C-alpha atoms as a PDB file:
ATOM      1  CA  UNK A   1       0.034   0.128   0.076  1.00  0.00           C
ATOM      2  CA  UNK A   2       2.446   2.600  -1.225  1.00  0.00           C
ATOM      3  CA  UNK A   3       0.006   5.259  -1.266  1.00  0.00           C
ATOM      4  CA  UNK A   4      -2.036   4.401   1.788  1.00  0.00           C
ATOM      5  CA  UNK A   5      -5.301   5.591  -0.248  1.00  0.00           C
ATOM      6  CA  UNK A   6      -4.064   8.993  -1.148  1.00  0.00           C
ATOM      7  CA  UNK A   7      -4.462   8.513  -5.014  1.00  0.00           C
ATOM      8  CA  UNK A   8      -8.346   6.715  -4.276  1.00  0.00           C
ATOM      9  CA  UNK A   9      -9.162   9.825  -2.043  1.00  0.00           C
ATOM     10  CA  UNK A  10      -7.946  12.580  -4.551  1.00  0.00           C
ATOM     11  CA  UNK A  11      -9.739  10.871  -7.392  1.00  0.00           C
ATOM     12  CA  UNK A  12     -12.919  10.428  -5.501  1.00  0.00           C
ATOM     13  CA  UNK A  13     -12.717  14.234  -4.392  1.00  0.00           C
ATOM     14  CA  UNK A  14     -12.339  15.338  -8.169  1.00  0.00           C
ATOM     15  CA  UNK A  15     -15.417  13.083  -9.286  1.00  0.00           C
ATOM     16  CA  UNK A  16     -17.394  14.497  -6.321  1.00  0.00           C
ATOM     17  CA  UNK A  17     -16.708  18.022  -7.284  1.00  0.00           C
ATOM     18  CA  UNK A  18     -17.226  17.263 -11.046  1.00  0.00           C
ATOM     19  CA  UNK A  19     -20.496  15.403 -10.235  1.00  0.00           C
ATOM     20  CA  UNK A  20     -21.503  18.728  -7.941  1.00  0.00           C
ATOM     21  CA  UNK A  21     -20.925  21.019 -10.695  1.00  0.00           C
ATOM     22  CA  UNK A  22     -22.360  19.053 -13.605  1.00  0.00           C
ATOM     23  CA  UNK A  23     -25.522  17.835 -11.281  1.00  0.00           C
ATOM     24  CA  UNK A  24     -24.502  14.281 -12.011  1.00  0.00           C
ATOM     25  CA  UNK A  25     -25.693  12.502  -8.849  1.00  0.00           C
ATOM     26  CA  UNK A  26     -23.811   9.133 -10.321  1.00  0.00           C
ATOM     27  CA  UNK A  27     -20.451  10.669 -10.589  1.00  0.00           C
ATOM     28  CA  UNK A  28     -20.982  12.371  -7.199  1.00  0.00           C
ATOM     29  CA  UNK A  29     -21.734   9.278  -5.600  1.00  0.00           C
ATOM     30  CA  UNK A  30     -19.023   7.228  -7.226  1.00  0.00           C
ATOM     31  CA  UNK A  31     -16.596  10.072  -6.270  1.00  0.00           C
ATOM     32  CA  UNK A  32     -17.973   9.819  -2.310  1.00  0.00           C
ATOM     33  CA  UNK A  33     -17.583   5.927  -2.508  1.00  0.00           C
ATOM     34  CA  UNK A  34     -13.750   6.346  -3.816  1.00  0.00           C
ATOM     35  CA  UNK A  35     -13.062   8.683  -1.155  1.00  0.00           C
ATOM     36  CA  UNK A  36     -14.334   6.059   1.392  1.00  0.00           C
ATOM     37  CA  UNK A  37     -12.097   3.271  -0.391  1.00  0.00           C
ATOM     38  CA  UNK A  38      -9.202   5.397  -0.118  1.00  0.00           C
ATOM     39  CA  UNK A  39      -9.781   6.023   3.642  1.00  0.00           C
ATOM     40  CA  UNK A  40     -10.253   2.498   4.230  1.00  0.00           C
ATOM     41  CA  UNK A  41      -6.997   1.969   2.435  1.00  0.00           C
ATOM     42  CA  UNK A  42      -5.043   4.578   4.810  1.00  0.00           C
ATOM     43  CA  UNK A  43      -6.760   2.917   7.883  1.00  0.00           C
ATOM     44  CA  UNK A  44      -5.532  -0.521   6.538  1.00  0.00           C
ATOM     45  CA  UNK A  45      -2.213   0.308   6.269  1.00  0.00           C
ATOM     46  CA  UNK A  46      -1.888   2.356   9.632  1.00  0.00           C
ATOM     47  CA  UNK A  47      -3.189  -0.742  11.309  1.00  0.00           C
ATOM     48  CA  UNK A  48      -0.523  -2.926   9.106  1.00  0.00           C
ATOM     49  CA  UNK A  49       2.110  -0.476  10.372  1.00  0.00           C
ATOM     50  CA  UNK A  50       1.239  -0.492  13.852  1.00  0.00           C
ATOM     51  CA  UNK A  51       1.287  -4.502  13.926  1.00  0.00           C
ATOM     52  CA  UNK A  52       4.308  -4.551  12.519  1.00  0.00           C
ATOM     53  CA  UNK A  53       5.730  -2.118  15.090  1.00  0.00           C
ATOM     54  CA  UNK A  54       3.958  -4.319  17.959  1.00  0.00           C
ATOM     55  CA  UNK A  55       5.918  -7.336  16.308  1.00  0.00           C
ATOM     56  CA  UNK A  56       9.095  -5.822  16.415  1.00  0.00           C
ATOM     57  CA  UNK A  57       9.022  -4.642  19.922  1.00  0.00           C
ATOM     58  CA  UNK A  58       7.831  -8.132  21.270  1.00  0.00           C
ATOM     59  CA  UNK A  59      10.711  -9.376  19.436  1.00  0.00           C
ATOM     60  CA  UNK A  60      13.036  -7.199  20.654  1.00  0.00           C
ATOM     61  CA  UNK A  61      11.687  -7.901  24.266  1.00  0.00           C
ATOM     62  CA  UNK A  62      11.806 -11.721  23.514  1.00  0.00           C
ATOM     63  CA  UNK A  63      15.674 -11.382  22.738  1.00  0.00           C
ATOM     64  CA  UNK A  64      16.225  -8.906  25.997  1.00  0.00           C
ATOM     65  CA  UNK A  65      14.677 -11.991  28.270  1.00  0.00           C
ATOM     66  CA  UNK A  66      17.057 -14.706  26.435  1.00  0.00           C
ATOM     67  CA  UNK A  67      20.168 -12.545  26.570  1.00  0.00           C
ATOM     68  CA  UNK A  68      19.788 -12.224  29.924  1.00  0.00           C
ATOM     69  CA  UNK A  69      19.354 -16.292  30.637  1.00  0.00           C
END
């Protein structure tokens, strides 16, 4: 998840605005949906990053305990 949902959020906002300007409810709805997908990707990426950090910290603690033995 290199962009962490940023592209979806920007494209979605552009579609939402275009839908507003043209009065096209379908395009506006698609834009809102794309923004939600982007936000979901962002949250998923944040969770993955946090899980990786926790895993690294657990590994360090285990190594500390093993080194003391």
